[in-house]
């Protein structure tokens, strides 16, 4: 899902057939179910390890986690972060539009130290839900799937790279 999101977003930016996106196994260096800034750290760690492992121009890391958010039903929103690092060591980050999990899911994740995906599989009865439409696909009744949600985070992380003169001083 993540590779597809990166491939589609990069193809829109750089042109169809002009990008090659390869997946590499990387570690996040954070807990399996991140909360708060751990999520951003995980995305950055993944991006840095990805660029170190290959001969790529950019390393991309994507990580989702729960963030405290006032005035929501549960007090938490799931936000996916994308970090992109280049060969010069510049890191850009972006996130997608967040959404709220059902209260039962959030309480099991926080109180029982469980992973969202595992709890959502139990709630929906769909095994490996995250490998298909994801929780967002079920909760949005099919109006948004995991790939399109991930594309938002990738695009937001690319905005500084699409506008280099606005974000990075010329040397």
N, C-alpha and C. Protein backbone atom coordinates (compact mmCIF):
# COMPACT_ATOMS: atom_id res chain seq x y z
N UNK A 1 0.82 -1.19 0.00
CA UNK A 1 0.00 0.00 0.00
C UNK A 1 0.87 1.26 0.00
N UNK A 2 1.89 1.26 0.86
CA UNK A 2 2.76 2.44 0.97
C UNK A 2 3.53 2.66 -0.32
N UNK A 3 4.05 1.58 -0.90
CA UNK A 3 4.80 1.71 -2.16
C UNK A 3 3.91 2.24 -3.26
N UNK A 4 2.70 1.73 -3.33
CA UNK A 4 1.75 2.20 -4.34
C UNK A 4 1.44 3.68 -4.16
N UNK A 5 1.29 4.12 -2.92
CA UNK A 5 1.00 5.54 -2.64
C UNK A 5 2.17 6.42 -3.08
N UNK A 6 3.39 5.99 -2.78
CA UNK A 6 4.57 6.76 -3.18
C UNK A 6 4.69 6.78 -4.70
N UNK A 7 4.53 5.63 -5.32
CA UNK A 7 4.65 5.54 -6.79
C UNK A 7 3.63 6.46 -7.47
N UNK A 8 2.39 6.42 -7.02
CA UNK A 8 1.36 7.24 -7.67
C UNK A 8 1.62 8.73 -7.47
N UNK A 9 1.98 9.12 -6.25
CA UNK A 9 2.23 10.53 -5.97
C UNK A 9 3.45 11.04 -6.72
N UNK A 10 4.54 10.28 -6.69
CA UNK A 10 5.76 10.69 -7.40
C UNK A 10 5.52 10.76 -8.90
N UNK A 11 4.73 9.83 -9.45
CA UNK A 11 4.42 9.85 -10.89
C UNK A 11 3.63 11.10 -11.27
N UNK A 12 2.76 11.55 -10.37
CA UNK A 12 2.03 12.79 -10.63
C UNK A 12 2.98 13.99 -10.62
N UNK A 13 3.95 13.96 -9.75
CA UNK A 13 4.88 15.09 -9.62
C UNK A 13 5.93 15.08 -10.73
N UNK A 14 6.56 13.93 -10.95
CA UNK A 14 7.70 13.84 -11.87
C UNK A 14 7.33 13.37 -13.26
N UNK A 15 6.14 12.81 -13.42
CA UNK A 15 5.70 12.33 -14.73
C UNK A 15 5.61 10.81 -14.76
N UNK A 16 4.61 10.33 -15.45
CA UNK A 16 4.38 8.90 -15.58
C UNK A 16 5.59 8.24 -16.23
N UNK A 17 6.06 7.15 -15.65
CA UNK A 17 7.18 6.41 -16.21
C UNK A 17 8.54 7.01 -15.92
N UNK A 18 8.59 8.09 -15.16
CA UNK A 18 9.87 8.75 -14.88
C UNK A 18 10.42 8.44 -13.50
N UNK A 19 9.70 7.64 -12.74
CA UNK A 19 10.16 7.29 -11.39
C UNK A 19 10.17 5.77 -11.22
N UNK A 20 11.10 5.34 -10.41
CA UNK A 20 11.14 3.94 -10.02
C UNK A 20 11.08 3.92 -8.50
N UNK A 21 10.10 3.23 -7.97
CA UNK A 21 9.92 3.15 -6.53
C UNK A 21 10.15 1.70 -6.12
N UNK A 22 11.11 1.53 -5.23
CA UNK A 22 11.44 0.19 -4.74
C UNK A 22 11.21 0.14 -3.25
N UNK A 23 10.65 -0.95 -2.79
CA UNK A 23 10.45 -1.14 -1.36
C UNK A 23 11.66 -1.84 -0.75
N UNK A 24 12.07 -1.39 0.41
CA UNK A 24 13.14 -2.05 1.14
C UNK A 24 12.68 -2.27 2.57
N UNK A 25 13.14 -3.34 3.16
CA UNK A 25 12.81 -3.64 4.55
C UNK A 25 13.59 -2.70 5.46
N UNK A 26 12.87 -1.96 6.29
CA UNK A 26 13.50 -1.05 7.24
C UNK A 26 12.79 -1.17 8.59
N UNK A 27 13.45 -0.68 9.61
CA UNK A 27 12.85 -0.68 10.94
C UNK A 27 12.52 0.75 11.33
N UNK A 28 11.53 0.88 12.17
CA UNK A 28 11.12 2.23 12.58
C UNK A 28 11.88 2.70 13.81
N UNK A 29 12.34 1.78 14.64
CA UNK A 29 13.03 2.15 15.86
C UNK A 29 12.12 2.72 16.93
N UNK A 30 10.83 2.46 16.79
CA UNK A 30 9.83 2.97 17.75
C UNK A 30 8.92 1.80 18.16
N UNK A 31 8.07 2.01 19.16
CA UNK A 31 7.13 0.94 19.54
C UNK A 31 6.23 0.55 18.37
N UNK A 32 5.74 -0.68 18.38
CA UNK A 32 4.90 -1.19 17.30
C UNK A 32 3.64 -0.35 17.11
N UNK A 33 3.11 0.22 18.19
CA UNK A 33 1.97 1.13 18.09
C UNK A 33 2.40 2.49 18.62
N UNK A 34 2.87 3.35 17.71
CA UNK A 34 3.34 4.65 18.16
C UNK A 34 2.22 5.59 18.59
N UNK A 35 2.56 6.45 19.53
CA UNK A 35 1.65 7.49 20.00
C UNK A 35 2.41 8.80 19.96
N UNK A 36 1.78 9.84 19.41
CA UNK A 36 2.39 11.16 19.38
C UNK A 36 3.62 11.23 18.49
N UNK A 37 4.61 12.00 18.95
CA UNK A 37 5.81 12.27 18.15
C UNK A 37 6.61 11.02 17.79
N UNK A 38 6.38 9.91 18.49
CA UNK A 38 7.04 8.66 18.12
C UNK A 38 6.74 8.33 16.65
N UNK A 39 5.56 8.70 16.22
CA UNK A 39 5.13 8.41 14.86
C UNK A 39 6.01 9.13 13.85
N UNK A 40 6.27 10.39 14.08
CA UNK A 40 7.13 11.18 13.19
C UNK A 40 8.55 10.63 13.23
N UNK A 41 9.03 10.31 14.43
CA UNK A 41 10.37 9.72 14.56
C UNK A 41 10.47 8.44 13.75
N UNK A 42 9.44 7.62 13.80
CA UNK A 42 9.44 6.36 13.04
C UNK A 42 9.51 6.59 11.55
N UNK A 43 8.76 7.56 11.05
CA UNK A 43 8.78 7.87 9.62
C UNK A 43 10.17 8.36 9.20
N UNK A 44 10.77 9.23 10.01
CA UNK A 44 12.11 9.75 9.69
C UNK A 44 13.13 8.62 9.74
N UNK A 45 13.06 7.78 10.77
CA UNK A 45 13.99 6.65 10.86
C UNK A 45 13.89 5.74 9.65
N UNK A 46 12.66 5.47 9.22
CA UNK A 46 12.45 4.61 8.05
C UNK A 46 13.03 5.25 6.79
N UNK A 47 12.80 6.55 6.62
CA UNK A 47 13.30 7.25 5.42
C UNK A 47 14.83 7.23 5.38
N UNK A 48 15.46 7.50 6.52
CA UNK A 48 16.93 7.52 6.56
C UNK A 48 17.50 6.13 6.30
N UNK A 49 16.90 5.11 6.87
CA UNK A 49 17.39 3.75 6.64
C UNK A 49 17.17 3.34 5.18
N UNK A 50 16.05 3.77 4.61
CA UNK A 50 15.74 3.43 3.21
C UNK A 50 16.78 4.01 2.26
N UNK A 51 17.15 5.26 2.45
CA UNK A 51 18.13 5.86 1.54
C UNK A 51 19.52 5.27 1.75
N UNK A 52 19.82 4.88 2.98
CA UNK A 52 21.11 4.25 3.26
C UNK A 52 21.24 2.86 2.64
N UNK A 53 20.11 2.18 2.46
CA UNK A 53 20.12 0.81 1.95
C UNK A 53 20.18 0.73 0.42
N UNK A 54 19.94 1.82 -0.25
CA UNK A 54 19.86 1.72 -1.70
C UNK A 54 20.61 2.83 -2.40
N UNK A 55 20.47 2.81 -3.70
CA UNK A 55 21.10 3.81 -4.56
C UNK A 55 20.01 4.75 -5.09
N UNK A 56 19.22 5.29 -4.17
CA UNK A 56 18.08 6.10 -4.55
C UNK A 56 18.38 7.58 -4.33
N UNK A 57 17.62 8.42 -5.01
CA UNK A 57 17.72 9.86 -4.80
C UNK A 57 17.00 10.29 -3.54
N UNK A 58 15.93 9.56 -3.21
CA UNK A 58 15.12 9.89 -2.04
C UNK A 58 14.81 8.63 -1.24
N UNK A 59 14.77 8.78 0.06
CA UNK A 59 14.30 7.72 0.95
C UNK A 59 12.98 8.17 1.54
N UNK A 60 12.01 7.29 1.57
CA UNK A 60 10.68 7.63 2.05
C UNK A 60 10.30 6.69 3.19
N UNK A 61 9.78 7.27 4.26
CA UNK A 61 9.26 6.48 5.37
C UNK A 61 7.86 6.93 5.71
N UNK A 62 6.99 5.99 5.97
CA UNK A 62 5.59 6.30 6.31
C UNK A 62 5.24 5.56 7.59
N UNK A 63 4.62 6.28 8.51
CA UNK A 63 4.26 5.71 9.81
C UNK A 63 2.95 6.33 10.28
N UNK A 64 2.06 5.51 10.80
CA UNK A 64 0.80 6.01 11.35
C UNK A 64 0.80 5.83 12.86
N UNK A 65 0.15 6.75 13.56
CA UNK A 65 0.07 6.64 15.01
C UNK A 65 -1.06 7.50 15.56
N UNK A 66 -1.30 7.33 16.84
CA UNK A 66 -2.36 8.07 17.52
C UNK A 66 -1.80 9.36 18.11
N UNK A 67 -2.53 10.44 17.92
CA UNK A 67 -2.15 11.74 18.46
C UNK A 67 -3.28 12.27 19.33
N UNK A 68 -2.92 12.81 20.49
CA UNK A 68 -3.93 13.43 21.35
C UNK A 68 -4.56 14.58 20.59
N UNK A 69 -5.86 14.63 20.64
CA UNK A 69 -6.58 15.65 19.90
C UNK A 69 -7.81 16.06 20.70
N UNK A 70 -7.83 17.30 21.16
CA UNK A 70 -8.97 17.74 21.98
C UNK A 70 -10.28 17.77 21.20
N UNK A 71 -11.35 17.67 21.95
CA UNK A 71 -12.72 17.78 21.43
C UNK A 71 -13.13 16.64 20.51
N UNK A 72 -12.38 15.53 20.54
CA UNK A 72 -12.79 14.35 19.79
C UNK A 72 -13.46 13.38 20.75
N UNK A 73 -14.14 12.40 20.25
CA UNK A 73 -14.85 11.44 21.09
C UNK A 73 -13.89 10.69 22.01
N UNK A 74 -12.77 10.24 21.45
CA UNK A 74 -11.81 9.44 22.23
C UNK A 74 -10.65 10.25 22.78
N UNK A 75 -10.46 11.45 22.24
CA UNK A 75 -9.30 12.25 22.62
C UNK A 75 -8.08 11.96 21.75
N UNK A 76 -8.24 11.08 20.75
CA UNK A 76 -7.13 10.71 19.87
C UNK A 76 -7.57 10.66 18.42
N UNK A 77 -6.64 11.00 17.53
CA UNK A 77 -6.86 10.92 16.09
C UNK A 77 -5.68 10.16 15.50
N UNK A 78 -5.95 9.30 14.54
CA UNK A 78 -4.89 8.60 13.82
C UNK A 78 -4.38 9.51 12.70
N UNK A 79 -3.09 9.76 12.71
CA UNK A 79 -2.47 10.58 11.67
C UNK A 79 -1.27 9.82 11.12
N UNK A 80 -1.19 9.79 9.82
CA UNK A 80 -0.09 9.13 9.15
C UNK A 80 0.93 10.20 8.72
N UNK A 81 2.18 9.94 9.03
CA UNK A 81 3.25 10.86 8.67
C UNK A 81 4.15 10.24 7.62
N UNK A 82 4.59 11.06 6.70
CA UNK A 82 5.56 10.66 5.69
C UNK A 82 6.79 11.54 5.88
N UNK A 83 7.97 10.91 5.88
CA UNK A 83 9.23 11.65 5.90
C UNK A 83 9.99 11.28 4.63
N UNK A 84 10.61 12.29 4.04
CA UNK A 84 11.40 12.08 2.83
C UNK A 84 12.77 12.70 3.07
N UNK A 85 13.81 11.91 2.82
CA UNK A 85 15.18 12.39 3.00
C UNK A 85 15.91 12.26 1.67
N UNK A 86 16.76 13.24 1.37
CA UNK A 86 17.53 13.20 0.13
C UNK A 86 19.00 12.96 0.44
N UNK A 87 19.81 12.87 -0.58
CA UNK A 87 21.23 12.58 -0.43
C UNK A 87 21.99 13.71 0.28
N UNK A 88 21.41 14.89 0.32
CA UNK A 88 22.02 16.02 1.03
C UNK A 88 21.65 16.00 2.52
N UNK A 89 20.80 15.08 2.92
CA UNK A 89 20.39 14.96 4.31
C UNK A 89 19.19 15.81 4.69
N UNK A 90 18.60 16.49 3.71
CA UNK A 90 17.40 17.29 4.00
C UNK A 90 16.21 16.38 4.23
N UNK A 91 15.50 16.64 5.30
CA UNK A 91 14.31 15.86 5.64
C UNK A 91 13.09 16.76 5.54
N UNK A 92 12.08 16.28 4.85
CA UNK A 92 10.80 16.97 4.80
C UNK A 92 9.74 16.00 5.31
N UNK A 93 8.75 16.53 5.98
CA UNK A 93 7.68 15.69 6.52
C UNK A 93 6.32 16.27 6.16
N UNK A 94 5.34 15.39 6.13
CA UNK A 94 3.96 15.80 5.89
C UNK A 94 3.03 14.76 6.46
N UNK A 95 1.80 15.16 6.69
CA UNK A 95 0.83 14.23 7.26
C UNK A 95 -0.46 14.26 6.45
N UNK A 96 -1.27 13.25 6.70
CA UNK A 96 -2.56 13.18 6.02
C UNK A 96 -3.65 13.75 6.92
N UNK A 97 -4.85 13.73 6.40
CA UNK A 97 -5.99 14.13 7.22
C UNK A 97 -6.23 13.02 8.23
N UNK A 98 -6.34 13.39 9.47
CA UNK A 98 -6.52 12.40 10.53
C UNK A 98 -7.96 11.95 10.64
N UNK A 99 -8.14 10.81 11.27
CA UNK A 99 -9.48 10.31 11.54
C UNK A 99 -9.48 9.64 12.90
N UNK A 100 -10.65 9.47 13.45
CA UNK A 100 -10.79 8.91 14.78
C UNK A 100 -11.26 7.45 14.72
N UNK A 101 -10.60 6.61 15.49
CA UNK A 101 -11.03 5.22 15.64
C UNK A 101 -12.20 5.16 16.61
N UNK A 102 -12.99 4.10 16.56
CA UNK A 102 -14.07 3.92 17.55
C UNK A 102 -13.48 3.86 18.96
N UNK A 103 -14.23 4.33 19.96
CA UNK A 103 -13.74 4.34 21.34
C UNK A 103 -13.23 2.99 21.82
N UNK A 104 -13.90 1.91 21.46
CA UNK A 104 -13.48 0.56 21.87
C UNK A 104 -12.05 0.26 21.36
N UNK A 105 -11.74 0.70 20.16
CA UNK A 105 -10.41 0.45 19.58
C UNK A 105 -9.35 1.24 20.35
N UNK A 106 -9.61 2.52 20.54
CA UNK A 106 -8.63 3.37 21.23
C UNK A 106 -8.37 2.89 22.65
N UNK A 107 -9.42 2.51 23.36
CA UNK A 107 -9.21 2.06 24.75
C UNK A 107 -8.42 0.76 24.79
N UNK A 108 -8.67 -0.17 23.88
CA UNK A 108 -7.90 -1.42 23.86
C UNK A 108 -6.43 -1.15 23.49
N UNK A 109 -6.21 -0.25 22.58
CA UNK A 109 -4.84 0.08 22.18
C UNK A 109 -4.08 0.71 23.34
N UNK A 110 -4.69 1.67 24.00
CA UNK A 110 -3.99 2.39 25.07
C UNK A 110 -3.96 1.62 26.39
N UNK A 111 -5.07 1.00 26.76
CA UNK A 111 -5.15 0.32 28.05
C UNK A 111 -4.49 -1.06 28.05
N UNK A 112 -4.53 -1.74 26.91
CA UNK A 112 -3.99 -3.09 26.83
C UNK A 112 -2.69 -3.16 26.04
N UNK A 113 -2.19 -1.99 25.63
CA UNK A 113 -0.93 -1.90 24.88
C UNK A 113 -0.96 -2.80 23.63
N UNK A 114 -2.02 -2.63 22.82
CA UNK A 114 -2.19 -3.43 21.62
C UNK A 114 -2.05 -2.56 20.38
N UNK A 115 -1.88 -3.20 19.25
CA UNK A 115 -1.74 -2.50 17.98
C UNK A 115 -3.12 -2.26 17.36
N UNK A 116 -3.30 -1.08 16.77
CA UNK A 116 -4.58 -0.72 16.15
C UNK A 116 -5.04 -1.78 15.15
N UNK A 117 -4.14 -2.21 14.28
CA UNK A 117 -4.51 -3.17 13.25
C UNK A 117 -5.10 -4.45 13.81
N UNK A 118 -4.50 -4.94 14.87
CA UNK A 118 -4.97 -6.16 15.52
C UNK A 118 -6.39 -5.96 16.08
N UNK A 119 -6.61 -4.84 16.73
CA UNK A 119 -7.91 -4.56 17.33
C UNK A 119 -8.96 -4.34 16.24
N UNK A 120 -8.59 -3.65 15.17
CA UNK A 120 -9.54 -3.43 14.06
C UNK A 120 -9.88 -4.75 13.37
N UNK A 121 -8.92 -5.66 13.25
CA UNK A 121 -9.21 -6.98 12.68
C UNK A 121 -10.28 -7.68 13.50
N UNK A 122 -10.13 -7.62 14.83
CA UNK A 122 -11.11 -8.25 15.72
C UNK A 122 -12.47 -7.58 15.60
N UNK A 123 -12.50 -6.27 15.59
CA UNK A 123 -13.76 -5.52 15.54
C UNK A 123 -14.53 -5.79 14.25
N UNK A 124 -13.80 -5.82 13.12
CA UNK A 124 -14.46 -5.97 11.83
C UNK A 124 -14.61 -7.42 11.40
N UNK A 125 -13.81 -8.31 11.98
CA UNK A 125 -13.81 -9.70 11.53
C UNK A 125 -13.05 -9.90 10.24
N UNK A 126 -12.30 -8.89 9.80
CA UNK A 126 -11.52 -8.97 8.56
C UNK A 126 -10.05 -9.17 8.93
N UNK A 127 -9.50 -10.32 8.53
CA UNK A 127 -8.10 -10.62 8.83
C UNK A 127 -7.18 -9.76 7.96
N UNK A 128 -6.15 -9.20 8.58
CA UNK A 128 -5.17 -8.36 7.87
C UNK A 128 -5.84 -7.21 7.12
N UNK A 129 -6.74 -6.55 7.78
CA UNK A 129 -7.46 -5.41 7.21
C UNK A 129 -6.51 -4.36 6.65
N UNK A 130 -5.40 -4.13 7.35
CA UNK A 130 -4.43 -3.13 6.92
C UNK A 130 -3.76 -3.44 5.60
N UNK A 131 -3.83 -4.68 5.16
CA UNK A 131 -3.22 -5.06 3.88
C UNK A 131 -4.19 -4.85 2.71
N UNK A 132 -5.41 -4.46 3.02
CA UNK A 132 -6.36 -4.18 1.94
C UNK A 132 -6.78 -2.71 2.01
N UNK A 133 -8.04 -2.45 2.26
CA UNK A 133 -8.54 -1.07 2.27
C UNK A 133 -8.16 -0.33 3.55
N UNK A 134 -7.75 -1.09 4.57
CA UNK A 134 -7.38 -0.48 5.84
C UNK A 134 -8.61 -0.08 6.64
N UNK A 135 -8.34 0.33 7.86
CA UNK A 135 -9.42 0.77 8.74
C UNK A 135 -10.19 1.92 8.11
N UNK A 136 -9.48 2.81 7.43
CA UNK A 136 -10.15 3.97 6.82
C UNK A 136 -11.15 3.52 5.76
N UNK A 137 -10.85 2.45 5.05
CA UNK A 137 -11.78 1.94 4.04
C UNK A 137 -13.08 1.46 4.66
N UNK A 138 -12.96 0.77 5.79
CA UNK A 138 -14.15 0.28 6.49
C UNK A 138 -14.90 1.44 7.14
N UNK A 139 -14.17 2.28 7.87
CA UNK A 139 -14.82 3.36 8.62
C UNK A 139 -15.44 4.42 7.72
N UNK A 140 -14.86 4.63 6.52
CA UNK A 140 -15.42 5.62 5.59
C UNK A 140 -16.43 4.99 4.63
N UNK A 141 -16.75 3.72 4.87
CA UNK A 141 -17.69 2.98 4.02
C UNK A 141 -17.23 2.97 2.56
N UNK A 142 -15.91 2.85 2.37
CA UNK A 142 -15.34 2.74 1.03
C UNK A 142 -15.09 4.05 0.32
N UNK A 143 -15.36 5.16 0.97
CA UNK A 143 -15.15 6.45 0.30
C UNK A 143 -13.66 6.83 0.23
N UNK A 144 -12.84 6.25 1.10
CA UNK A 144 -11.40 6.51 1.08
C UNK A 144 -10.70 5.21 1.45
N UNK A 145 -9.65 4.87 0.70
CA UNK A 145 -8.90 3.67 1.05
C UNK A 145 -7.52 4.06 1.58
N UNK A 146 -6.80 3.06 2.04
CA UNK A 146 -5.50 3.30 2.69
C UNK A 146 -4.48 3.92 1.72
N UNK A 147 -4.51 3.52 0.46
CA UNK A 147 -3.55 4.07 -0.50
C UNK A 147 -3.79 5.56 -0.68
N UNK A 148 -5.02 5.95 -0.90
CA UNK A 148 -5.31 7.38 -1.11
C UNK A 148 -5.03 8.20 0.14
N UNK A 149 -5.27 7.61 1.31
CA UNK A 149 -4.95 8.30 2.56
C UNK A 149 -3.44 8.51 2.68
N UNK A 150 -2.67 7.50 2.32
CA UNK A 150 -1.20 7.60 2.36
C UNK A 150 -0.68 8.61 1.35
N UNK A 151 -1.33 8.68 0.20
CA UNK A 151 -0.91 9.64 -0.82
C UNK A 151 -0.95 11.07 -0.29
N UNK A 152 -1.90 11.38 0.57
CA UNK A 152 -1.97 12.72 1.15
C UNK A 152 -0.69 13.04 1.92
N UNK A 153 -0.23 12.11 2.75
CA UNK A 153 0.97 12.34 3.55
C UNK A 153 2.20 12.50 2.66
N UNK A 154 2.30 11.66 1.62
CA UNK A 154 3.43 11.75 0.70
C UNK A 154 3.44 13.10 0.00
N UNK A 155 2.29 13.52 -0.50
CA UNK A 155 2.21 14.82 -1.18
C UNK A 155 2.59 15.96 -0.25
N UNK A 156 2.10 15.93 0.98
CA UNK A 156 2.42 17.01 1.92
C UNK A 156 3.92 17.06 2.22
N UNK A 157 4.57 15.89 2.28
CA UNK A 157 6.02 15.85 2.51
C UNK A 157 6.79 16.33 1.28
N UNK A 158 6.18 16.24 0.11
CA UNK A 158 6.84 16.67 -1.12
C UNK A 158 6.69 18.17 -1.39
N UNK A 159 5.77 18.84 -0.73
CA UNK A 159 5.54 20.26 -1.01
C UNK A 159 6.81 21.09 -0.93
N UNK A 160 7.64 20.97 0.11
CA UNK A 160 8.89 21.76 0.11
C UNK A 160 9.81 21.40 -1.05
N UNK A 161 9.80 20.16 -1.47
CA UNK A 161 10.65 19.71 -2.58
C UNK A 161 10.13 20.20 -3.92
N UNK A 162 8.84 20.44 -4.00
CA UNK A 162 8.24 20.97 -5.22
C UNK A 162 8.39 22.49 -5.31
N UNK A 163 8.82 23.10 -4.22
CA UNK A 163 8.97 24.55 -4.12
C UNK A 163 10.30 24.89 -3.45
N UNK A 164 11.39 24.36 -3.99
CA UNK A 164 12.70 24.47 -3.35
C UNK A 164 13.07 25.91 -3.01
N UNK A 165 12.77 26.84 -3.90
CA UNK A 165 13.15 28.25 -3.66
C UNK A 165 12.43 28.84 -2.46
N UNK A 166 11.25 28.35 -2.14
CA UNK A 166 10.51 28.86 -1.00
C UNK A 166 10.98 28.28 0.32
N UNK A 167 11.51 27.06 0.29
CA UNK A 167 11.83 26.34 1.51
C UNK A 167 13.31 26.21 1.83
N UNK A 168 14.15 26.17 0.81
CA UNK A 168 15.58 25.95 1.02
C UNK A 168 16.36 27.07 0.37
N UNK A 169 17.24 27.68 1.14
CA UNK A 169 18.07 28.77 0.61
C UNK A 169 19.07 28.23 -0.39
N UNK A 170 19.31 29.00 -1.44
CA UNK A 170 20.33 28.62 -2.42
C UNK A 170 21.70 28.82 -1.81
N UNK A 171 22.61 27.94 -2.18
CA UNK A 171 23.96 28.08 -1.64
C UNK A 171 24.86 28.78 -2.62
